[in-house]
Amino acid sequence: MMALVIEDDRDQRDTLCAVLESAGWTVEVAEDGIAGLGRVPAARPDVILLDLRMPHLDGVGLLEMLRSTEIGRTIPVVLVTGADVGAEARALADAVLTKPFDPGELLRVASRLGSAPRRPARR
């Protein structure tokens, strides 16, 4: 399976990648929301792991833009954040994990969402 990790903090990004790669995932990374949004069409990840607080385009803005695209409506998104998650972000995301996260829980959530049939492309 393939995950796209969109996280501006290098240590957090490295940790997320290490956990996923240790379980056999292929991982692509983006350091901010704009770069992440640009990688989605080519990468077509099975799941996106997304931080909320990022420069240039925050997680809520990215989720809104992502959910407005045909492919973006079908990809599960897991918020992995230390920030308070508002109702809008919760409604757009498929799951929320709080930093510091449990690696086992991260793998369970990512695997469950990444292997599930794609969600319908709602309009």
Protein backbone atom coordinates (compact mmCIF):
# COMPACT_ATOMS: atom_id res chain seq x y z
CA MET A 1 0.00 0.00 0.00
CA MET A 2 1.03 3.57 -0.54
CA ALA A 3 0.74 6.49 1.86
CA LEU A 4 1.31 10.19 1.32
CA VAL A 5 2.62 11.88 4.47
CA ILE A 6 2.02 15.64 4.52
CA GLU A 7 3.85 17.03 7.55
CA ASP A 8 6.05 20.10 7.95
CA ASP A 9 7.94 18.92 11.05
CA ARG A 10 10.92 16.85 9.91
CA ASP A 11 11.10 14.66 13.03
CA GLN A 12 7.38 13.87 12.88
CA ARG A 13 7.59 13.21 9.15
CA ASP A 14 10.55 10.86 9.64
CA THR A 15 8.73 9.01 12.43
CA LEU A 16 5.56 8.56 10.38
CA CYS A 17 7.59 7.29 7.43
CA ALA A 18 9.61 4.89 9.60
CA VAL A 19 6.47 3.38 11.17
CA LEU A 20 4.77 2.88 7.81
CA GLU A 21 7.86 1.62 5.99
CA SER A 22 8.57 -0.89 8.78
CA ALA A 23 5.16 -2.41 7.98
CA GLY A 24 5.90 -2.62 4.25
CA TRP A 25 4.19 0.56 3.07
CA THR A 26 5.53 2.67 0.23
CA VAL A 27 5.65 6.28 1.41
CA GLU A 28 5.85 9.62 -0.36
CA VAL A 29 6.28 12.85 1.58
CA ALA A 30 5.40 16.49 1.25
CA GLU A 31 6.62 19.25 3.56
CA ASP A 32 3.55 21.47 3.33
CA GLY A 33 -0.03 21.51 2.11
CA ILE A 34 0.66 22.99 -1.32
CA ALA A 35 3.32 20.37 -2.11
CA GLY A 36 1.05 17.63 -0.76
CA LEU A 37 -1.91 18.70 -2.85
CA GLY A 38 0.33 18.70 -5.91
CA ARG A 39 1.50 15.13 -5.27
CA VAL A 40 -1.94 13.55 -4.92
CA PRO A 41 -2.85 13.12 -8.62
CA ALA A 42 0.38 11.34 -9.59
CA ALA A 43 0.84 9.38 -6.36
CA ARG A 44 -2.80 8.26 -5.99
CA PRO A 45 -2.13 7.15 -2.41
CA ASP A 46 -4.22 4.58 -0.59
CA VAL A 47 -4.25 6.90 2.42
CA ILE A 48 -3.04 10.41 3.30
CA LEU A 49 -1.58 11.23 6.72
CA LEU A 50 -1.99 14.95 7.28
CA ASP A 51 -0.91 17.50 9.86
CA LEU A 52 -3.21 20.46 10.53
CA ARG A 53 -0.68 23.22 11.27
CA MET A 54 1.56 23.79 8.26
CA PRO A 55 2.95 26.75 6.35
CA HIS A 56 1.56 27.91 3.00
CA LEU A 57 -1.63 25.79 3.18
CA ASP A 58 -2.88 24.33 6.46
CA GLY A 59 -4.55 20.96 6.85
CA VAL A 60 -8.13 22.28 6.80
CA GLY A 61 -7.45 24.27 3.63
CA LEU A 62 -5.84 21.24 2.03
CA LEU A 63 -8.77 19.02 3.02
CA GLU A 64 -11.26 21.47 1.56
CA MET A 65 -9.34 21.65 -1.73
CA LEU A 66 -8.75 17.90 -1.80
CA ARG A 67 -12.41 17.07 -1.21
CA SER A 68 -13.38 19.39 -4.08
CA THR A 69 -11.54 17.20 -6.61
CA GLU A 70 -12.75 13.93 -8.13
CA ILE A 71 -9.80 11.85 -6.88
CA GLY A 72 -9.54 13.75 -3.58
CA ARG A 73 -13.08 12.82 -2.57
CA THR A 74 -12.16 9.12 -2.66
CA ILE A 75 -8.86 9.03 -0.72
CA PRO A 76 -9.06 8.42 3.04
CA VAL A 77 -7.34 11.08 5.14
CA VAL A 78 -6.01 10.59 8.67
CA LEU A 79 -5.29 13.76 10.60
CA VAL A 80 -2.19 13.25 12.75
CA THR A 81 -1.97 16.39 14.80
CA GLY A 82 -1.23 17.98 18.13
CA ALA A 83 -3.66 20.81 17.36
CA ASP A 84 -7.26 20.99 18.48
CA VAL A 85 -9.36 19.49 15.72
CA GLY A 86 -12.48 21.47 14.95
CA ALA A 87 -15.77 20.16 13.64
CA GLU A 88 -14.97 21.18 10.06
CA ALA A 89 -11.72 19.19 9.98
CA ARG A 90 -13.35 16.17 11.63
CA ALA A 91 -16.13 16.22 9.05
CA LEU A 92 -13.67 16.23 6.15
CA ALA A 93 -11.26 13.62 7.58
CA ASP A 94 -11.76 9.88 7.92
CA ALA A 95 -9.87 9.53 11.23
CA VAL A 96 -7.95 11.62 13.76
CA LEU A 97 -4.84 10.58 15.70
CA THR A 98 -3.39 12.85 18.36
CA LYS A 99 0.35 13.49 18.65
CA PRO A 100 2.17 11.87 20.22
CA PHE A 101 0.58 8.90 18.46
CA ASP A 102 0.87 5.21 19.20
CA PRO A 103 2.68 3.52 16.26
CA GLY A 104 0.45 0.44 16.50
CA GLU A 105 -2.69 2.55 16.37
CA LEU A 106 -1.32 4.48 13.40
CA LEU A 107 -0.73 1.23 11.51
CA ARG A 108 -4.17 -0.14 12.42
CA VAL A 109 -5.98 3.00 11.26
CA ALA A 110 -3.90 3.47 8.09
CA SER A 111 -4.20 -0.20 7.14
CA ARG A 112 -7.95 -0.30 7.74
CA LEU A 113 -8.58 2.84 5.70
CA GLY A 114 -5.96 2.13 3.04
CA SER A 115 -7.25 -1.35 2.27
CA ALA A 116 -10.94 -0.46 2.33
CA PRO A 117 -12.78 0.13 -0.94
CA ARG A 118 -12.43 3.74 -2.04
CA ARG A 119 -15.12 5.96 -0.68
CA PRO A 120 -17.69 7.13 -3.23
CA ALA A 121 -16.85 10.35 -5.05
CA ARG A 122 -19.58 12.50 -3.49
CA ARG A 123 -20.39 15.76 -5.16
